[in-house]
Structure formats: structure tokens, C-alpha cells
Amino acid sequence: MKRSDMTVTVLAILETDFKPDLSLGKIMNERLKVAAEDLRDIHLQALETVGQRTDDVVVYISYNPKYKIRWRIVNDVPNDVEGFVAKTCGDLGYIEWKTAVMNIFKGNE
């Protein structure tokens, strides 16, 4: 019987509430994509061996206005998974991304 694994998804959110100049934005977006891949493939890899196949954790990372990487879990996960993500991201120097609302995407106004 094959063991079920948790799916770990890390998405780089490139659109933010502030706009760096074009050349800096391109470099920052590339850096953020690499950070997302590293977070998923290296730092959070241990999570893939816990839980059931139907379990998953989805993490968004982006920049704050001071160009620090921020993170947030956007789905319901057990406390131990949330704690692991928080410790891992904290160890990487990432800050928790706090928003007043759950849906951070703006619709058409």
C-alpha cells in the first residue's frame, strides 16, 4: 500500500500594493520565484511525508513595502503544520503576512 503524502504548494505573489521601478521589479520577481521554489522543494519538504493525500498546505509569499519577504498560509491546516511553516519561514528571515481580510486579491472596481 502506497503511503499518502501532503501536497505542499508555495506561490509567489508578484502583484503587490506597491510598485518598484521596472528593472528592480523584474529582479525582485525572479528572486521571489526562486524563494518560493526553495521553500517548497527544500525547506518545507518534510511536510510532504505527513498527513493524507487529501491534506495540503498552501503558502503565499510576497514582498512587503520594505522589500522583506512575507508569508501566509491561505488554507486550513493543523496547528503542528502551521507551527512548522512559521518556524521555517522565521528561520529564513521571512515575516508573517498579516492582512485584515482573507482574500487579498482585488476584484474589478
PDB file of N, CA and C in Angstrom:
ATOM      1  N   MET A   1       0.839  -1.181   0.000  1.00  0.00           N
ATOM      2  CA  MET A   1       0.000   0.000   0.000  1.00  0.00           C
ATOM      3  C   MET A   1       0.886   1.248   0.000  1.00  0.00           C
ATOM      4  N   LYS A   2       0.649   2.134  -0.925  1.00  0.00           N
ATOM      5  CA  LYS A   2       1.448   3.361  -1.039  1.00  0.00           C
ATOM      6  C   LYS A   2       1.046   4.354   0.044  1.00  0.00           C
ATOM      7  N   ARG A   3       2.036   4.965   0.657  1.00  0.00           N
ATOM      8  CA  ARG A   3       1.761   5.955   1.694  1.00  0.00           C
ATOM      9  C   ARG A   3       1.274   7.248   1.054  1.00  0.00           C
ATOM     10  N   SER A   4       0.272   7.859   1.656  1.00  0.00           N
ATOM     11  CA  SER A   4      -0.256   9.129   1.149  1.00  0.00           C
ATOM     12  C   SER A   4       0.612  10.278   1.645  1.00  0.00           C
ATOM     13  N   ASP A   5       0.743  11.295   0.838  1.00  0.00           N
ATOM     14  CA  ASP A   5       1.584  12.428   1.190  1.00  0.00           C
ATOM     15  C   ASP A   5       0.800  13.730   1.120  1.00  0.00           C
ATOM     16  N   MET A   6       1.208  14.665   1.953  1.00  0.00           N
ATOM     17  CA  MET A   6       0.630  16.006   1.926  1.00  0.00           C
ATOM     18  C   MET A   6       1.190  16.757   0.721  1.00  0.00           C
ATOM     19  N   THR A   7       0.365  17.554   0.095  1.00  0.00           N
ATOM     20  CA  THR A   7       0.805  18.393  -1.015  1.00  0.00           C
ATOM     21  C   THR A   7       1.207  19.762  -0.465  1.00  0.00           C
ATOM     22  N   VAL A   8       2.413  20.185  -0.788  1.00  0.00           N
ATOM     23  CA  VAL A   8       2.912  21.489  -0.360  1.00  0.00           C
ATOM     24  C   VAL A   8       2.965  22.396  -1.588  1.00  0.00           C
ATOM     25  N   THR A   9       2.246  23.520  -1.520  1.00  0.00           N
ATOM     26  CA  THR A   9       2.229  24.487  -2.615  1.00  0.00           C
ATOM     27  C   THR A   9       2.698  25.831  -2.073  1.00  0.00           C
ATOM     28  N   VAL A  10       3.663  26.429  -2.746  1.00  0.00           N
ATOM     29  CA  VAL A  10       4.123  27.773  -2.378  1.00  0.00           C
ATOM     30  C   VAL A  10       4.002  28.649  -3.618  1.00  0.00           C
ATOM     31  N   LEU A  11       3.223  29.709  -3.503  1.00  0.00           N
ATOM     32  CA  LEU A  11       3.012  30.610  -4.636  1.00  0.00           C
ATOM     33  C   LEU A  11       3.650  31.964  -4.374  1.00  0.00           C
ATOM     34  N   ALA A  12       4.406  32.434  -5.351  1.00  0.00           N
ATOM     35  CA  ALA A  12       4.981  33.781  -5.284  1.00  0.00           C
ATOM     36  C   ALA A  12       3.927  34.753  -5.797  1.00  0.00           C
ATOM     37  N   ILE A  13       3.490  35.662  -4.954  1.00  0.00           N
ATOM     38  CA  ILE A  13       2.508  36.671  -5.333  1.00  0.00           C
ATOM     39  C   ILE A  13       3.285  37.898  -5.810  1.00  0.00           C
ATOM     40  N   LEU A  14       3.303  38.084  -7.126  1.00  0.00           N
ATOM     41  CA  LEU A  14       4.153  39.127  -7.714  1.00  0.00           C
ATOM     42  C   LEU A  14       3.483  40.494  -7.708  1.00  0.00           C
ATOM     43  N   GLU A  15       2.161  40.516  -7.757  1.00  0.00           N
ATOM     44  CA  GLU A  15       1.452  41.800  -7.726  1.00  0.00           C
ATOM     45  C   GLU A  15       1.265  42.220  -6.283  1.00  0.00           C
ATOM     46  N   THR A  16       1.757  43.373  -5.938  1.00  0.00           N
ATOM     47  CA  THR A  16       1.631  43.850  -4.559  1.00  0.00           C
ATOM     48  C   THR A  16       0.963  45.215  -4.559  1.00  0.00           C
ATOM     49  N   ASP A  17       0.790  45.751  -3.367  1.00  0.00           N
ATOM     50  CA  ASP A  17       0.124  47.046  -3.225  1.00  0.00           C
ATOM     51  C   ASP A  17       1.082  48.215  -3.431  1.00  0.00           C
ATOM     52  N   PHE A  18       2.309  47.930  -3.855  1.00  0.00           N
ATOM     53  CA  PHE A  18       3.277  48.990  -4.185  1.00  0.00           C
ATOM     54  C   PHE A  18       4.022  48.544  -5.427  1.00  0.00           C
ATOM     55  N   LYS A  19       4.549  49.477  -6.178  1.00  0.00           N
ATOM     56  CA  LYS A  19       5.214  49.154  -7.446  1.00  0.00           C
ATOM     57  C   LYS A  19       6.661  49.660  -7.445  1.00  0.00           C
ATOM     58  N   PRO A  20       7.629  48.718  -7.417  1.00  0.00           N
ATOM     59  CA  PRO A  20       9.023  49.158  -7.591  1.00  0.00           C
ATOM     60  C   PRO A  20       9.231  49.528  -9.058  1.00  0.00           C
ATOM     61  N   ASP A  21      10.335  50.200  -9.355  1.00  0.00           N
ATOM     62  CA  ASP A  21      10.578  50.526 -10.766  1.00  0.00           C
ATOM     63  C   ASP A  21      10.786  49.227 -11.556  1.00  0.00           C
ATOM     64  N   LEU A  22      10.632  49.304 -12.856  1.00  0.00           N
ATOM     65  CA  LEU A  22      10.564  48.119 -13.714  1.00  0.00           C
ATOM     66  C   LEU A  22      11.768  47.190 -13.580  1.00  0.00           C
ATOM     67  N   SER A  23      12.988  47.728 -13.630  1.00  0.00           N
ATOM     68  CA  SER A  23      14.168  46.858 -13.582  1.00  0.00           C
ATOM     69  C   SER A  23      14.290  46.188 -12.213  1.00  0.00           C
ATOM     70  N   LEU A  24      14.027  46.920 -11.150  1.00  0.00           N
ATOM     71  CA  LEU A  24      14.076  46.348  -9.811  1.00  0.00           C
ATOM     72  C   LEU A  24      12.959  45.316  -9.650  1.00  0.00           C
ATOM     73  N   GLY A  25      11.781  45.631 -10.183  1.00  0.00           N
ATOM     74  CA  GLY A  25      10.656  44.710 -10.096  1.00  0.00           C
ATOM     75  C   GLY A  25      10.950  43.369 -10.733  1.00  0.00           C
ATOM     76  N   LYS A  26      11.622  43.376 -11.881  1.00  0.00           N
ATOM     77  CA  LYS A  26      11.965  42.133 -12.571  1.00  0.00           C
ATOM     78  C   LYS A  26      12.908  41.285 -11.725  1.00  0.00           C
ATOM     79  N   ILE A  27      13.922  41.902 -11.153  1.00  0.00           N
ATOM     80  CA  ILE A  27      14.888  41.198 -10.290  1.00  0.00           C
ATOM     81  C   ILE A  27      14.181  40.652  -9.049  1.00  0.00           C
ATOM     82  N   MET A  28      13.326  41.480  -8.444  1.00  0.00           N
ATOM     83  CA  MET A  28      12.618  41.059  -7.236  1.00  0.00           C
ATOM     84  C   MET A  28      11.676  39.893  -7.531  1.00  0.00           C
ATOM     85  N   ASN A  29      10.974  39.944  -8.659  1.00  0.00           N
ATOM     86  CA  ASN A  29      10.054  38.861  -9.012  1.00  0.00           C
ATOM     87  C   ASN A  29      10.804  37.555  -9.231  1.00  0.00           C
ATOM     88  N   GLU A  30      11.958  37.617  -9.886  1.00  0.00           N
ATOM     89  CA  GLU A  30      12.775  36.424 -10.106  1.00  0.00           C
ATOM     90  C   GLU A  30      13.230  35.862  -8.765  1.00  0.00           C
ATOM     91  N   ARG A  31      13.689  36.726  -7.875  1.00  0.00           N
ATOM     92  CA  ARG A  31      14.144  36.302  -6.550  1.00  0.00           C
ATOM     93  C   ARG A  31      12.999  35.653  -5.772  1.00  0.00           C
ATOM     94  N   LEU A  32      11.801  36.218  -5.892  1.00  0.00           N
ATOM     95  CA  LEU A  32      10.647  35.694  -5.178  1.00  0.00           C
ATOM     96  C   LEU A  32      10.253  34.311  -5.713  1.00  0.00           C
ATOM     97  N   LYS A  33      10.329  34.126  -7.020  1.00  0.00           N
ATOM     98  CA  LYS A  33      10.016  32.817  -7.610  1.00  0.00           C
ATOM     99  C   LYS A  33      10.993  31.755  -7.115  1.00  0.00           C
ATOM    100  N   VAL A  34      12.281  32.101  -7.066  1.00  0.00           N
ATOM    101  CA  VAL A  34      13.297  31.164  -6.569  1.00  0.00           C
ATOM    102  C   VAL A  34      13.050  30.867  -5.092  1.00  0.00           C
ATOM    103  N   ALA A  35      12.713  31.894  -4.315  1.00  0.00           N
ATOM    104  CA  ALA A  35      12.432  31.704  -2.886  1.00  0.00           C
ATOM    105  C   ALA A  35      11.238  30.769  -2.704  1.00  0.00           C
ATOM    106  N   ALA A  36      10.213  30.909  -3.545  1.00  0.00           N
ATOM    107  CA  ALA A  36       9.027  30.041  -3.459  1.00  0.00           C
ATOM    108  C   ALA A  36       9.407  28.594  -3.761  1.00  0.00           C
ATOM    109  N   GLU A  37      10.201  28.384  -4.809  1.00  0.00           N
ATOM    110  CA  GLU A  37      10.628  27.032  -5.161  1.00  0.00           C
ATOM    111  C   GLU A  37      11.481  26.414  -4.062  1.00  0.00           C
ATOM    112  N   ASP A  38      12.413  27.190  -3.512  1.00  0.00           N
ATOM    113  CA  ASP A  38      13.273  26.692  -2.435  1.00  0.00           C
ATOM    114  C   ASP A  38      12.457  26.365  -1.187  1.00  0.00           C
ATOM    115  N   LEU A  39      11.492  27.217  -0.859  1.00  0.00           N
ATOM    116  CA  LEU A  39      10.655  26.985   0.311  1.00  0.00           C
ATOM    117  C   LEU A  39       9.897  25.673   0.140  1.00  0.00           C
ATOM    118  N   ARG A  40       9.324  25.465  -1.043  1.00  0.00           N
ATOM    119  CA  ARG A  40       8.552  24.247  -1.302  1.00  0.00           C
ATOM    120  C   ARG A  40       9.458  23.013  -1.383  1.00  0.00           C
ATOM    121  N   ASP A  41      10.528  23.084  -2.182  1.00  0.00           N
ATOM    122  CA  ASP A  41      11.325  21.902  -2.504  1.00  0.00           C
ATOM    123  C   ASP A  41      12.368  21.531  -1.454  1.00  0.00           C
ATOM    124  N   ILE A  42      12.792  22.509  -0.665  1.00  0.00           N
ATOM    125  CA  ILE A  42      13.862  22.259   0.306  1.00  0.00           C
ATOM    126  C   ILE A  42      13.347  22.399   1.740  1.00  0.00           C
ATOM    127  N   HIS A  43      12.923  23.593   2.082  1.00  0.00           N
ATOM    128  CA  HIS A  43      12.641  23.920   3.484  1.00  0.00           C
ATOM    129  C   HIS A  43      11.363  23.283   4.023  1.00  0.00           C
ATOM    130  N   LEU A  44      10.334  23.126   3.195  1.00  0.00           N
ATOM    131  CA  LEU A  44       9.076  22.530   3.667  1.00  0.00           C
ATOM    132  C   LEU A  44       8.915  21.089   3.188  1.00  0.00           C
ATOM    133  N   GLN A  45       9.958  20.518   2.634  1.00  0.00           N
ATOM    134  CA  GLN A  45       9.880  19.169   2.074  1.00  0.00           C
ATOM    135  C   GLN A  45       9.452  18.142   3.119  1.00  0.00           C
ATOM    136  N   ALA A  46       9.842  18.326   4.374  1.00  0.00           N
ATOM    137  CA  ALA A  46       9.487  17.376   5.433  1.00  0.00           C
ATOM    138  C   ALA A  46       7.978  17.240   5.595  1.00  0.00           C
ATOM    139  N   LEU A  47       7.214  18.276   5.235  1.00  0.00           N
ATOM    140  CA  LEU A  47       5.759  18.212   5.353  1.00  0.00           C
ATOM    141  C   LEU A  47       5.144  17.217   4.377  1.00  0.00           C
ATOM    142  N   GLU A  48       5.834  16.901   3.315  1.00  0.00           N
ATOM    143  CA  GLU A  48       5.272  16.006   2.307  1.00  0.00           C
ATOM    144  C   GLU A  48       5.111  14.587   2.834  1.00  0.00           C
ATOM    145  N   THR A  49       5.764  14.250   3.927  1.00  0.00           N
ATOM    146  CA  THR A  49       5.691  12.894   4.468  1.00  0.00           C
ATOM    147  C   THR A  49       4.675  12.780   5.599  1.00  0.00           C
ATOM    148  N   VAL A  50       3.903  13.825   5.851  1.00  0.00           N
ATOM    149  CA  VAL A  50       2.883  13.767   6.902  1.00  0.00           C
ATOM    150  C   VAL A  50       1.502  13.920   6.278  1.00  0.00           C
ATOM    151  N   GLY A  51       0.498  13.524   7.030  1.00  0.00           N
ATOM    152  CA  GLY A  51      -0.867  13.741   6.583  1.00  0.00           C
ATOM    153  C   GLY A  51      -1.325  12.752   5.522  1.00  0.00           C
ATOM    154  N   GLN A  52      -2.469  13.032   4.970  1.00  0.00           N
ATOM    155  CA  GLN A  52      -3.092  12.202   3.944  1.00  0.00           C
ATOM    156  C   GLN A  52      -2.940  12.880   2.586  1.00  0.00           C
ATOM    157  N   ARG A  53      -3.206  12.130   1.540  1.00  0.00           N
ATOM    158  CA  ARG A  53      -3.107  12.696   0.196  1.00  0.00           C
ATOM    159  C   ARG A  53      -4.069  13.880   0.031  1.00  0.00           C
ATOM    160  N   THR A  54      -5.187  13.835   0.739  1.00  0.00           N
ATOM    161  CA  THR A  54      -6.162  14.916   0.624  1.00  0.00           C
ATOM    162  C   THR A  54      -5.744  16.160   1.408  1.00  0.00           C
ATOM    163  N   ASP A  55      -4.724  16.041   2.252  1.00  0.00           N
ATOM    164  CA  ASP A  55      -4.234  17.192   3.016  1.00  0.00           C
ATOM    165  C   ASP A  55      -3.297  18.016   2.152  1.00  0.00           C
ATOM    166  N   ASP A  56      -3.385  19.312   2.313  1.00  0.00           N
ATOM    167  CA  ASP A  56      -2.419  20.161   1.633  1.00  0.00           C
ATOM    168  C   ASP A  56      -2.214  21.429   2.434  1.00  0.00           C
ATOM    169  N   VAL A  57      -1.102  22.065   2.144  1.00  0.00           N
ATOM    170  CA  VAL A  57      -0.801  23.363   2.733  1.00  0.00           C
ATOM    171  C   VAL A  57      -0.448  24.283   1.572  1.00  0.00           C
ATOM    172  N   VAL A  58      -1.062  25.471   1.572  1.00  0.00           N
ATOM    173  CA  VAL A  58      -0.811  26.459   0.530  1.00  0.00           C
ATOM    174  C   VAL A  58      -0.248  27.705   1.201  1.00  0.00           C
ATOM    175  N   VAL A  59       0.935  28.099   0.770  1.00  0.00           N
ATOM    176  CA  VAL A  59       1.627  29.253   1.345  1.00  0.00           C
ATOM    177  C   VAL A  59       1.820  30.294   0.250  1.00  0.00           C
ATOM    178  N   TYR A  60       1.452  31.525   0.549  1.00  0.00           N
ATOM    179  CA  TYR A  60       1.740  32.636  -0.355  1.00  0.00           C
ATOM    180  C   TYR A  60       2.942  33.373   0.198  1.00  0.00           C
ATOM    181  N   ILE A  61       3.844  33.778  -0.688  1.00  0.00           N
ATOM    182  CA  ILE A  61       4.914  34.693  -0.280  1.00  0.00           C
ATOM    183  C   ILE A  61       4.888  35.896  -1.211  1.00  0.00           C
ATOM    184  N   SER A  62       5.277  37.024  -0.667  1.00  0.00           N
ATOM    185  CA  SER A  62       5.291  38.274  -1.411  1.00  0.00           C
ATOM    186  C   SER A  62       6.277  39.204  -0.723  1.00  0.00           C
ATOM    187  N   TYR A  63       6.364  40.415  -1.230  1.00  0.00           N
ATOM    188  CA  TYR A  63       7.175  41.431  -0.566  1.00  0.00           C
ATOM    189  C   TYR A  63       6.275  42.381   0.192  1.00  0.00           C
ATOM    190  N   ASN A  64       6.791  42.878   1.316  1.00  0.00           N
ATOM    191  CA  ASN A  64       6.100  43.980   1.976  1.00  0.00           C
ATOM    192  C   ASN A  64       6.693  45.277   1.415  1.00  0.00           C
ATOM    193  N   PRO A  65       6.127  46.440   1.775  1.00  0.00           N
ATOM    194  CA  PRO A  65       6.644  47.702   1.204  1.00  0.00           C
ATOM    195  C   PRO A  65       8.114  47.992   1.529  1.00  0.00           C
ATOM    196  N   LYS A  66       8.691  47.289   2.519  1.00  0.00           N
ATOM    197  CA  LYS A  66      10.109  47.478   2.842  1.00  0.00           C
ATOM    198  C   LYS A  66      10.978  46.410   2.176  1.00  0.00           C
ATOM    199  N   TYR A  67      10.395  45.703   1.191  1.00  0.00           N
ATOM    200  CA  TYR A  67      11.100  44.694   0.398  1.00  0.00           C
ATOM    201  C   TYR A  67      11.564  43.481   1.200  1.00  0.00           C
ATOM    202  N   LYS A  68      10.889  43.191   2.292  1.00  0.00           N
ATOM    203  CA  LYS A  68      11.143  41.963   3.046  1.00  0.00           C
ATOM    204  C   LYS A  68      10.150  40.917   2.544  1.00  0.00           C
ATOM    205  N   ILE A  69      10.590  39.666   2.488  1.00  0.00           N
ATOM    206  CA  ILE A  69       9.664  38.604   2.077  1.00  0.00           C
ATOM    207  C   ILE A  69       8.720  38.306   3.239  1.00  0.00           C
ATOM    208  N   ARG A  70       7.444  38.248   2.902  1.00  0.00           N
ATOM    209  CA  ARG A  70       6.418  37.917   3.896  1.00  0.00           C
ATOM    210  C   ARG A  70       5.696  36.652   3.443  1.00  0.00           C
ATOM    211  N   TRP A  71       5.117  35.939   4.391  1.00  0.00           N
ATOM    212  CA  TRP A  71       4.460  34.673   4.089  1.00  0.00           C
ATOM    213  C   TRP A  71       3.130  34.583   4.810  1.00  0.00           C
ATOM    214  N   ARG A  72       2.238  33.754   4.255  1.00  0.00           N
ATOM    215  CA  ARG A  72       0.994  33.427   4.952  1.00  0.00           C
ATOM    216  C   ARG A  72       0.464  32.110   4.425  1.00  0.00           C
ATOM    217  N   ILE A  73      -0.138  31.353   5.319  1.00  0.00           N
ATOM    218  CA  ILE A  73      -0.830  30.121   4.938  1.00  0.00           C
ATOM    219  C   ILE A  73      -2.251  30.523   4.585  1.00  0.00           C
ATOM    220  N   VAL A  74      -2.756  30.060   3.455  1.00  0.00           N
ATOM    221  CA  VAL A  74      -4.064  30.523   2.996  1.00  0.00           C
ATOM    222  C   VAL A  74      -5.141  29.442   3.026  1.00  0.00           C
ATOM    223  N   ASN A  75      -4.845  28.315   3.647  1.00  0.00           N
ATOM    224  CA  ASN A  75      -5.878  27.300   3.819  1.00  0.00           C
ATOM    225  C   ASN A  75      -5.823  26.781   5.256  1.00  0.00           C
ATOM    226  N   ASP A  76      -6.829  26.019   5.638  1.00  0.00           N
ATOM    227  CA  ASP A  76      -6.874  25.454   6.990  1.00  0.00           C
ATOM    228  C   ASP A  76      -5.904  24.290   7.086  1.00  0.00           C
ATOM    229  N   VAL A  77      -5.032  24.349   8.083  1.00  0.00           N
ATOM    230  CA  VAL A  77      -4.069  23.274   8.313  1.00  0.00           C
ATOM    231  C   VAL A  77      -4.014  23.002   9.821  1.00  0.00           C
ATOM    232  N   PRO A  78      -3.563  21.820  10.202  1.00  0.00           N
ATOM    233  CA  PRO A  78      -3.395  21.531  11.629  1.00  0.00           C
ATOM    234  C   PRO A  78      -2.361  22.468  12.263  1.00  0.00           C
ATOM    235  N   ASN A  79      -2.483  22.667  13.575  1.00  0.00           N
ATOM    236  CA  ASN A  79      -1.578  23.576  14.290  1.00  0.00           C
ATOM    237  C   ASN A  79      -0.113  23.192  14.148  1.00  0.00           C
ATOM    238  N   ASP A  80       0.192  21.880  14.124  1.00  0.00           N
ATOM    239  CA  ASP A  80       1.589  21.482  14.010  1.00  0.00           C
ATOM    240  C   ASP A  80       2.170  21.850  12.639  1.00  0.00           C
ATOM    241  N   VAL A  81       1.347  21.772  11.602  1.00  0.00           N
ATOM    242  CA  VAL A  81       1.804  22.166  10.263  1.00  0.00           C
ATOM    243  C   VAL A  81       2.013  23.677  10.223  1.00  0.00           C
ATOM    244  N   GLU A  82       1.063  24.419  10.772  1.00  0.00           N
ATOM    245  CA  GLU A  82       1.191  25.878  10.824  1.00  0.00           C
ATOM    246  C   GLU A  82       2.444  26.279  11.598  1.00  0.00           C
ATOM    247  N   GLY A  83       2.688  25.614  12.708  1.00  0.00           N
ATOM    248  CA  GLY A  83       3.880  25.900  13.511  1.00  0.00           C
ATOM    249  C   GLY A  83       5.168  25.614  12.768  1.00  0.00           C
ATOM    250  N   PHE A  84       5.192  24.508  12.023  1.00  0.00           N
ATOM    251  CA  PHE A  84       6.381  24.149  11.247  1.00  0.00           C
ATOM    252  C   PHE A  84       6.658  25.201  10.176  1.00  0.00           C
ATOM    253  N   VAL A  85       5.616  25.613   9.465  1.00  0.00           N
ATOM    254  CA  VAL A  85       5.770  26.639   8.429  1.00  0.00           C
ATOM    255  C   VAL A  85       6.243  27.947   9.058  1.00  0.00           C
ATOM    256  N   ALA A  86       5.640  28.333  10.185  1.00  0.00           N
ATOM    257  CA  ALA A  86       6.014  29.584  10.855  1.00  0.00           C
ATOM    258  C   ALA A  86       7.480  29.560  11.292  1.00  0.00           C
ATOM    259  N   LYS A  87       7.913  28.448  11.881  1.00  0.00           N
ATOM    260  CA  LYS A  87       9.308  28.355  12.331  1.00  0.00           C
ATOM    261  C   LYS A  87      10.264  28.368  11.137  1.00  0.00           C
ATOM    262  N   THR A  88       9.919  27.603  10.106  1.00  0.00           N
ATOM    263  CA  THR A  88      10.778  27.536   8.920  1.00  0.00           C
ATOM    264  C   THR A  88      10.920  28.908   8.271  1.00  0.00           C
ATOM    265  N   CYS A  89       9.791  29.587   8.060  1.00  0.00           N
ATOM    266  CA  CYS A  89       9.831  30.913   7.434  1.00  0.00           C
ATOM    267  C   CYS A  89      10.561  31.919   8.327  1.00  0.00           C
ATOM    268  N   GLY A  90      10.328  31.839   9.628  1.00  0.00           N
ATOM    269  CA  GLY A  90      11.029  32.726  10.561  1.00  0.00           C
ATOM    270  C   GLY A  90      12.535  32.513  10.524  1.00  0.00           C
ATOM    271  N   ASP A  91      12.950  31.238  10.458  1.00  0.00           N
ATOM    272  CA  ASP A  91      14.384  30.927  10.380  1.00  0.00           C
ATOM    273  C   ASP A  91      15.010  31.479   9.104  1.00  0.00           C
ATOM    274  N   LEU A  92      14.203  31.613   8.047  1.00  0.00           N
ATOM    275  CA  LEU A  92      14.692  32.165   6.783  1.00  0.00           C
ATOM    276  C   LEU A  92      14.678  33.698   6.782  1.00  0.00           C
ATOM    277  N   GLY A  93      14.146  34.288   7.852  1.00  0.00           N
ATOM    278  CA  GLY A  93      14.086  35.749   7.930  1.00  0.00           C
ATOM    279  C   GLY A  93      12.826  36.330   7.305  1.00  0.00           C
ATOM    280  N   TYR A  94      11.867  35.468   6.967  1.00  0.00           N
ATOM    281  CA  TYR A  94      10.605  35.941   6.388  1.00  0.00           C
ATOM    282  C   TYR A  94       9.692  36.391   7.529  1.00  0.00           C
ATOM    283  N   ILE A  95       8.835  37.355   7.238  1.00  0.00           N
ATOM    284  CA  ILE A  95       7.919  37.857   8.258  1.00  0.00           C
ATOM    285  C   ILE A  95       6.497  37.401   7.948  1.00  0.00           C
ATOM    286  N   GLU A  96       5.697  37.257   9.006  1.00  0.00           N
ATOM    287  CA  GLU A  96       4.323  36.826   8.803  1.00  0.00           C
ATOM    288  C   GLU A  96       3.536  37.921   8.110  1.00  0.00           C
ATOM    289  N   TRP A  97       2.744  37.534   7.137  1.00  0.00           N
ATOM    290  CA  TRP A  97       1.959  38.453   6.320  1.00  0.00           C
ATOM    291  C   TRP A  97       0.582  38.541   6.931  1.00  0.00           C
ATOM    292  N   LYS A  98       0.328  39.640   7.565  1.00  0.00           N
ATOM    293  CA  LYS A  98      -0.960  39.815   8.225  1.00  0.00           C
ATOM    294  C   LYS A  98      -1.818  40.775   7.431  1.00  0.00           C
ATOM    295  N   THR A  99      -3.033  40.347   7.150  1.00  0.00           N
ATOM    296  CA  THR A  99      -3.990  41.221   6.477  1.00  0.00           C
ATOM    297  C   THR A  99      -5.297  41.161   7.254  1.00  0.00           C
ATOM    298  N   ALA A 100      -6.093  42.185   7.112  1.00  0.00           N
ATOM    299  CA  ALA A 100      -7.367  42.238   7.813  1.00  0.00           C
ATOM    300  C   ALA A 100      -8.390  41.308   7.181  1.00  0.00           C
ATOM    301  N   VAL A 101      -8.213  41.019   5.900  1.00  0.00           N
ATOM    302  CA  VAL A 101      -9.170  40.169   5.192  1.00  0.00           C
ATOM    303  C   VAL A 101      -8.462  38.946   4.629  1.00  0.00           C
ATOM    304  N   MET A 102      -9.187  37.879   4.424  1.00  0.00           N
ATOM    305  CA  MET A 102      -8.609  36.652   3.908  1.00  0.00           C
ATOM    306  C   MET A 102      -8.279  36.770   2.428  1.00  0.00           C
ATOM    307  N   ASN A 103      -9.185  37.335   1.627  1.00  0.00           N
ATOM    308  CA  ASN A 103      -8.951  37.431   0.187  1.00  0.00           C
ATOM    309  C   ASN A 103      -8.150  38.691  -0.110  1.00  0.00           C
ATOM    310  N   ILE A 104      -6.889  38.500  -0.503  1.00  0.00           N
ATOM    311  CA  ILE A 104      -6.002  39.640  -0.714  1.00  0.00           C
ATOM    312  C   ILE A 104      -6.056  40.168  -2.125  1.00  0.00           C
ATOM    313  N   PHE A 105      -6.784  39.479  -3.002  1.00  0.00           N
ATOM    314  CA  PHE A 105      -6.843  39.926  -4.381  1.00  0.00           C
ATOM    315  C   PHE A 105      -7.973  40.901  -4.572  1.00  0.00           C
ATOM    316  N   LYS A 106      -7.702  41.959  -5.306  1.00  0.00           N
ATOM    317  CA  LYS A 106      -8.722  42.962  -5.571  1.00  0.00           C
ATOM    318  C   LYS A 106      -9.492  42.576  -6.824  1.00  0.00           C
ATOM    319  N   GLY A 107     -10.794  42.713  -6.746  1.00  0.00           N
ATOM    320  CA  GLY A 107     -11.610  42.444  -7.933  1.00  0.00           C
ATOM    321  C   GLY A 107     -11.688  43.682  -8.796  1.00  0.00           C
ATOM    322  N   ASN A 108     -12.421  43.607  -9.875  1.00  0.00           N
ATOM    323  CA  ASN A 108     -12.614  44.779 -10.719  1.00  0.00           C
ATOM    324  C   ASN A 108     -13.468  45.791  -9.975  1.00  0.00           C
ATOM    325  N   GLU A 109     -13.009  47.014  -9.976  1.00  0.00           N
ATOM    326  CA  GLU A 109     -13.723  48.043  -9.226  1.00  0.00           C
ATOM    327  C   GLU A 109     -14.507  48.918 -10.162  1.00  0.00           C
TER     328      GLU A 109
END
